[in-house]
Amino acid sequence: MKKYIKITVSCATQSEIEQICDRLLKEQLIAGGDISETQSNYWWNGKIDKEKRYTLTALSVQDKKDAIIELTKKYHQDETPGIIFSYFDANKEFLDWIDQSIN
């Protein structure tokens, strides 16, 4: 049975996250993505950092996971990019759209 995934990635700049989203779309690795501006608070090098980040939430299938990781790392500027995958289910028409949108 095919597994559907939601991908979450954040970047320091809007242009960086847009480039990653555009590349994933052009390679048909994702069906679509939403970009939002967020406030990120996290531990780094022994202290808490706070900064504005841009987050991509995208939709795909598990078979594309390795290619998504490879492409995202290629264009991501962070030393340790977080590329997070969550499995989901949805209505048949929506899942059909994902299937038709990716290569």
Protein backbone atom coordinates (compact mmCIF):
# COMPACT_ATOMS: atom_id res chain seq x y z
CA MET A 1 0.00 0.00 0.00
CA LYS A 2 1.32 3.43 -0.96
CA LYS A 3 2.29 5.69 1.96
CA TYR A 4 1.76 9.43 1.75
CA ILE A 5 4.11 11.84 3.50
CA LYS A 6 4.04 15.42 4.67
CA ILE A 7 7.47 17.06 4.57
CA THR A 8 8.48 19.95 6.82
CA VAL A 9 11.67 21.95 6.22
CA SER A 10 12.66 25.37 7.51
CA CYS A 11 15.27 27.85 6.25
CA ALA A 12 16.70 31.17 7.38
CA THR A 13 15.55 33.08 4.29
CA GLN A 14 12.45 33.18 2.16
CA SER A 15 14.47 32.96 -1.06
CA GLU A 16 16.20 29.77 0.14
CA ILE A 17 12.96 27.98 1.03
CA GLU A 18 11.33 29.14 -2.22
CA GLN A 19 14.29 27.76 -4.19
CA ILE A 20 13.98 24.39 -2.44
CA CYS A 21 10.21 24.31 -3.03
CA ASP A 22 10.60 25.26 -6.69
CA ARG A 23 13.27 22.60 -7.27
CA LEU A 24 11.16 19.91 -5.59
CA LEU A 25 8.17 20.91 -7.73
CA LYS A 26 10.17 21.01 -10.98
CA GLU A 27 11.55 17.54 -10.28
CA GLN A 28 7.97 16.41 -9.48
CA LEU A 29 9.10 15.13 -6.08
CA ILE A 30 6.26 16.97 -4.33
CA ALA A 31 2.67 17.66 -5.35
CA GLY A 32 2.64 21.09 -3.72
CA GLY A 33 3.88 23.07 -0.78
CA ASP A 34 2.91 25.85 1.59
CA ILE A 35 5.49 28.38 2.78
CA SER A 36 4.98 30.27 6.01
CA GLU A 37 7.00 32.62 8.18
CA THR A 38 7.60 31.32 11.71
CA GLN A 39 9.44 32.13 14.90
CA SER A 40 11.89 29.35 15.74
CA ASN A 41 13.32 28.75 19.22
CA TYR A 42 15.88 25.98 19.53
CA TRP A 43 19.04 24.72 21.23
CA TRP A 44 22.27 25.28 19.27
CA ASN A 45 25.84 25.08 20.55
CA GLY A 46 24.76 25.01 24.20
CA LYS A 47 22.39 27.98 24.12
CA ILE A 48 18.87 28.83 23.08
CA ASP A 49 18.63 30.66 19.76
CA LYS A 50 15.60 32.54 18.50
CA GLU A 51 15.15 33.63 14.91
CA LYS A 52 12.66 34.17 12.15
CA ARG A 53 12.48 31.15 9.82
CA TYR A 54 10.56 30.20 6.70
CA THR A 55 8.89 26.79 6.72
CA LEU A 56 7.87 24.62 3.79
CA THR A 57 5.14 22.05 4.33
CA ALA A 58 4.91 19.79 1.26
CA LEU A 59 3.12 16.60 0.17
CA SER A 60 4.51 13.52 -1.52
CA VAL A 61 4.84 9.73 -1.26
CA GLN A 62 7.31 7.65 0.70
CA ASP A 63 9.04 6.40 -2.48
CA LYS A 64 10.33 9.95 -3.08
CA LYS A 65 11.81 10.37 0.42
CA ASP A 66 15.48 9.74 -0.46
CA ALA A 67 15.37 12.03 -3.50
CA ILE A 68 13.68 14.76 -1.44
CA ILE A 69 16.41 14.53 1.21
CA GLU A 70 19.19 14.64 -1.39
CA LEU A 71 17.78 17.64 -3.25
CA THR A 72 16.93 19.55 -0.07
CA LYS A 73 20.43 19.08 1.38
CA LYS A 74 21.94 20.28 -1.90
CA TYR A 75 20.24 23.68 -1.64
CA HIS A 76 19.88 24.06 2.16
CA GLN A 77 22.34 26.38 3.91
CA ASP A 78 22.04 25.02 7.47
CA GLU A 79 24.79 22.85 8.90
CA THR A 80 22.13 20.44 10.22
CA PRO A 81 18.94 20.83 8.16
CA GLY A 82 15.84 19.22 9.62
CA ILE A 83 13.89 17.39 6.95
CA ILE A 84 10.93 15.95 8.80
CA PHE A 85 8.51 13.36 7.42
CA SER A 86 5.06 12.51 8.77
CA TYR A 87 2.70 9.91 7.35
CA PHE A 88 -0.91 10.81 6.65
CA ASP A 89 -4.09 9.58 5.06
CA ALA A 90 -6.72 11.68 3.30
CA ASN A 91 -9.74 11.49 1.04
CA LYS A 92 -9.28 9.53 -2.19
CA GLU A 93 -9.58 12.57 -4.51
CA PHE A 94 -6.81 14.39 -2.65
CA LEU A 95 -4.51 11.36 -2.69
CA ASP A 96 -5.23 10.91 -6.41
CA TRP A 97 -4.14 14.52 -6.99
CA ILE A 98 -0.83 13.82 -5.20
CA ASP A 99 -0.30 10.69 -7.31
CA GLN A 100 -0.99 12.60 -10.54
CA SER A 101 1.30 15.50 -9.55
CA ILE A 102 4.51 13.64 -8.79
CA ASN A 103 6.75 11.75 -11.18
